Amino acid sequence: MIMLTMRLKAYYKFIKVVKKATENITLNFGMSTDDSYLVKLAVAEAVANIIEHSYTGEQEEEIEYVIENTGDE
């Protein structure tokens, strides 16, 4: 099993960190470039929604980001 865990403050500027981490790890998991892009896009949208709707804007609250490969497809 491979896992990456990050805790980021709820600021939009950190979405680019999440996108790059998602891209790197999904490609290392063996995903195609197209599939990696789609996962990266979905994760970025999810983080943006957390900031906008859960925290009602940027703040010092943390978002925990976990991505793991359990070996299942």
N, C-alpha and C. Protein backbone atom coordinates (compact mmCIF):
# COMPACT_ATOMS: atom_id res chain seq x y z
N MET A 1 0.84 -1.17 0.00
CA MET A 1 0.00 0.00 0.00
C MET A 1 0.89 1.24 0.00
N ILE A 2 0.51 2.21 -0.80
CA ILE A 2 1.19 3.50 -0.85
C ILE A 2 0.18 4.56 -0.44
N MET A 3 0.59 5.48 0.45
CA MET A 3 -0.33 6.49 0.91
C MET A 3 0.40 7.82 1.08
N LEU A 4 -0.31 8.89 0.74
CA LEU A 4 0.18 10.25 0.96
C LEU A 4 -0.86 10.97 1.79
N THR A 5 -0.43 11.60 2.88
CA THR A 5 -1.33 12.39 3.72
C THR A 5 -0.75 13.78 3.87
N MET A 6 -1.59 14.79 3.68
CA MET A 6 -1.18 16.19 3.87
C MET A 6 -2.27 16.90 4.66
N ARG A 7 -1.85 17.86 5.44
CA ARG A 7 -2.78 18.77 6.11
C ARG A 7 -2.44 20.17 5.63
N LEU A 8 -3.45 20.83 5.08
CA LEU A 8 -3.25 22.17 4.52
C LEU A 8 -4.26 23.13 5.12
N LYS A 9 -3.85 24.36 5.30
CA LYS A 9 -4.78 25.39 5.72
C LYS A 9 -5.78 25.62 4.60
N ALA A 10 -6.97 26.05 4.96
CA ALA A 10 -8.06 26.23 3.99
C ALA A 10 -7.90 27.54 3.22
N TYR A 11 -6.88 27.57 2.37
CA TYR A 11 -6.63 28.73 1.50
C TYR A 11 -6.59 28.24 0.06
N TYR A 12 -7.21 29.02 -0.81
CA TYR A 12 -7.25 28.64 -2.22
C TYR A 12 -5.86 28.48 -2.82
N LYS A 13 -4.88 29.21 -2.33
CA LYS A 13 -3.53 29.12 -2.90
C LYS A 13 -2.93 27.71 -2.74
N PHE A 14 -3.44 26.92 -1.80
CA PHE A 14 -2.91 25.58 -1.59
C PHE A 14 -3.52 24.54 -2.54
N ILE A 15 -4.53 24.94 -3.31
CA ILE A 15 -5.11 24.00 -4.27
C ILE A 15 -4.06 23.56 -5.28
N LYS A 16 -3.16 24.46 -5.68
CA LYS A 16 -2.12 24.08 -6.64
C LYS A 16 -1.18 23.02 -6.04
N VAL A 17 -0.97 23.05 -4.74
CA VAL A 17 -0.15 22.03 -4.07
C VAL A 17 -0.85 20.67 -4.14
N VAL A 18 -2.14 20.68 -3.87
CA VAL A 18 -2.94 19.45 -3.92
C VAL A 18 -2.96 18.90 -5.35
N LYS A 19 -3.13 19.77 -6.33
CA LYS A 19 -3.16 19.33 -7.73
C LYS A 19 -1.84 18.68 -8.14
N LYS A 20 -0.73 19.31 -7.78
CA LYS A 20 0.58 18.76 -8.15
C LYS A 20 0.84 17.43 -7.44
N ALA A 21 0.51 17.36 -6.16
CA ALA A 21 0.69 16.11 -5.41
C ALA A 21 -0.17 15.00 -6.00
N THR A 22 -1.40 15.33 -6.35
CA THR A 22 -2.31 14.35 -6.93
C THR A 22 -1.76 13.85 -8.26
N GLU A 23 -1.31 14.76 -9.08
CA GLU A 23 -0.76 14.37 -10.38
C GLU A 23 0.46 13.45 -10.20
N ASN A 24 1.37 13.84 -9.35
CA ASN A 24 2.59 13.05 -9.15
C ASN A 24 2.29 11.65 -8.63
N ILE A 25 1.45 11.56 -7.63
CA ILE A 25 1.23 10.25 -7.03
C ILE A 25 0.37 9.36 -7.92
N THR A 26 -0.62 9.91 -8.61
CA THR A 26 -1.44 9.06 -9.48
C THR A 26 -0.62 8.54 -10.66
N LEU A 27 0.26 9.36 -11.18
CA LEU A 27 1.12 8.88 -12.27
C LEU A 27 2.07 7.80 -11.75
N ASN A 28 2.56 7.97 -10.53
CA ASN A 28 3.41 6.94 -9.93
C ASN A 28 2.64 5.67 -9.60
N PHE A 29 1.33 5.79 -9.39
CA PHE A 29 0.49 4.61 -9.20
C PHE A 29 0.29 3.87 -10.52
N GLY A 30 0.64 4.51 -11.63
CA GLY A 30 0.49 3.86 -12.93
C GLY A 30 -0.73 4.30 -13.70
N MET A 31 -1.42 5.34 -13.25
CA MET A 31 -2.58 5.84 -13.98
C MET A 31 -2.13 6.47 -15.29
N SER A 32 -3.01 6.44 -16.26
CA SER A 32 -2.73 7.14 -17.51
C SER A 32 -2.74 8.65 -17.25
N THR A 33 -2.14 9.39 -18.16
CA THR A 33 -2.13 10.84 -18.05
C THR A 33 -3.55 11.40 -18.01
N ASP A 34 -4.42 10.85 -18.86
CA ASP A 34 -5.81 11.32 -18.90
C ASP A 34 -6.54 11.04 -17.59
N ASP A 35 -6.39 9.83 -17.05
CA ASP A 35 -7.05 9.49 -15.79
C ASP A 35 -6.49 10.32 -14.64
N SER A 36 -5.18 10.52 -14.64
CA SER A 36 -4.54 11.33 -13.61
C SER A 36 -5.10 12.75 -13.65
N TYR A 37 -5.26 13.30 -14.84
CA TYR A 37 -5.81 14.65 -14.99
C TYR A 37 -7.23 14.72 -14.41
N LEU A 38 -8.04 13.73 -14.70
CA LEU A 38 -9.42 13.72 -14.21
C LEU A 38 -9.48 13.63 -12.68
N VAL A 39 -8.62 12.82 -12.10
CA VAL A 39 -8.57 12.72 -10.64
C VAL A 39 -8.10 14.05 -10.05
N LYS A 40 -7.06 14.63 -10.64
CA LYS A 40 -6.54 15.91 -10.18
C LYS A 40 -7.63 16.98 -10.22
N LEU A 41 -8.39 17.02 -11.29
CA LEU A 41 -9.47 17.99 -11.45
C LEU A 41 -10.55 17.79 -10.39
N ALA A 42 -10.94 16.55 -10.15
CA ALA A 42 -11.97 16.25 -9.15
C ALA A 42 -11.51 16.61 -7.74
N VAL A 43 -10.27 16.30 -7.42
CA VAL A 43 -9.75 16.61 -6.09
C VAL A 43 -9.65 18.12 -5.89
N ALA A 44 -9.19 18.84 -6.89
CA ALA A 44 -9.10 20.31 -6.80
C ALA A 44 -10.48 20.92 -6.58
N GLU A 45 -11.47 20.42 -7.28
CA GLU A 45 -12.84 20.91 -7.12
C GLU A 45 -13.36 20.59 -5.73
N ALA A 46 -13.06 19.41 -5.22
CA ALA A 46 -13.50 19.03 -3.88
C ALA A 46 -12.88 19.95 -2.82
N VAL A 47 -11.60 20.24 -2.95
CA VAL A 47 -10.94 21.13 -1.99
C VAL A 47 -11.53 22.53 -2.08
N ALA A 48 -11.76 23.02 -3.29
CA ALA A 48 -12.37 24.35 -3.45
C ALA A 48 -13.76 24.39 -2.81
N ASN A 49 -14.52 23.31 -2.97
CA ASN A 49 -15.86 23.24 -2.37
C ASN A 49 -15.80 23.21 -0.84
N ILE A 50 -14.81 22.52 -0.30
CA ILE A 50 -14.64 22.50 1.16
C ILE A 50 -14.39 23.92 1.66
N ILE A 51 -13.48 24.62 1.00
CA ILE A 51 -13.16 25.98 1.42
C ILE A 51 -14.39 26.89 1.30
N GLU A 52 -15.07 26.81 0.17
CA GLU A 52 -16.20 27.70 -0.08
C GLU A 52 -17.43 27.37 0.75
N HIS A 53 -17.79 26.10 0.83
CA HIS A 53 -19.06 25.73 1.43
C HIS A 53 -18.96 25.27 2.89
N SER A 54 -17.90 24.57 3.24
CA SER A 54 -17.77 24.09 4.62
C SER A 54 -17.22 25.18 5.53
N TYR A 55 -16.24 25.91 5.04
CA TYR A 55 -15.61 26.95 5.86
C TYR A 55 -16.10 28.34 5.50
N THR A 56 -16.98 28.45 4.53
CA THR A 56 -17.49 29.73 4.01
C THR A 56 -16.37 30.73 3.73
N GLY A 57 -15.33 30.24 3.10
CA GLY A 57 -14.21 31.08 2.71
C GLY A 57 -12.91 30.66 3.36
N GLU A 58 -11.86 31.32 2.96
CA GLU A 58 -10.53 30.97 3.45
C GLU A 58 -10.41 31.23 4.94
N GLN A 59 -9.68 30.34 5.62
CA GLN A 59 -9.41 30.52 7.04
C GLN A 59 -8.34 29.55 7.50
N GLU A 60 -8.01 29.62 8.76
CA GLU A 60 -6.92 28.82 9.32
C GLU A 60 -7.28 27.36 9.57
N GLU A 61 -8.52 26.98 9.34
CA GLU A 61 -8.91 25.58 9.52
C GLU A 61 -8.10 24.69 8.57
N GLU A 62 -7.90 23.45 8.96
CA GLU A 62 -7.13 22.53 8.13
C GLU A 62 -8.02 21.61 7.32
N ILE A 63 -7.51 21.27 6.17
CA ILE A 63 -8.10 20.24 5.33
C ILE A 63 -7.11 19.09 5.29
N GLU A 64 -7.58 17.90 5.60
CA GLU A 64 -6.71 16.73 5.51
C GLU A 64 -6.92 16.07 4.16
N TYR A 65 -5.84 15.85 3.47
CA TYR A 65 -5.86 15.25 2.14
C TYR A 65 -5.14 13.91 2.22
N VAL A 66 -5.84 12.85 1.86
CA VAL A 66 -5.26 11.50 1.89
C VAL A 66 -5.52 10.84 0.56
N ILE A 67 -4.49 10.29 -0.05
CA ILE A 67 -4.64 9.50 -1.26
C ILE A 67 -3.82 8.22 -1.06
N GLU A 68 -4.45 7.11 -1.37
CA GLU A 68 -3.73 5.85 -1.17
C GLU A 68 -4.05 4.86 -2.28
N ASN A 69 -3.12 4.01 -2.50
CA ASN A 69 -3.26 2.93 -3.47
C ASN A 69 -3.28 1.63 -2.69
N THR A 70 -4.44 1.00 -2.65
CA THR A 70 -4.57 -0.24 -1.89
C THR A 70 -4.28 -1.48 -2.75
N GLY A 71 -4.00 -1.24 -4.03
CA GLY A 71 -3.75 -2.35 -4.93
C GLY A 71 -4.98 -2.80 -5.68
N ASP A 72 -6.16 -2.30 -5.24
CA ASP A 72 -7.40 -2.63 -5.94
C ASP A 72 -7.54 -1.72 -7.15
N GLU A 73 -8.27 -2.20 -8.14
CA GLU A 73 -8.50 -1.35 -9.31
C GLU A 73 -9.84 -0.73 -9.26
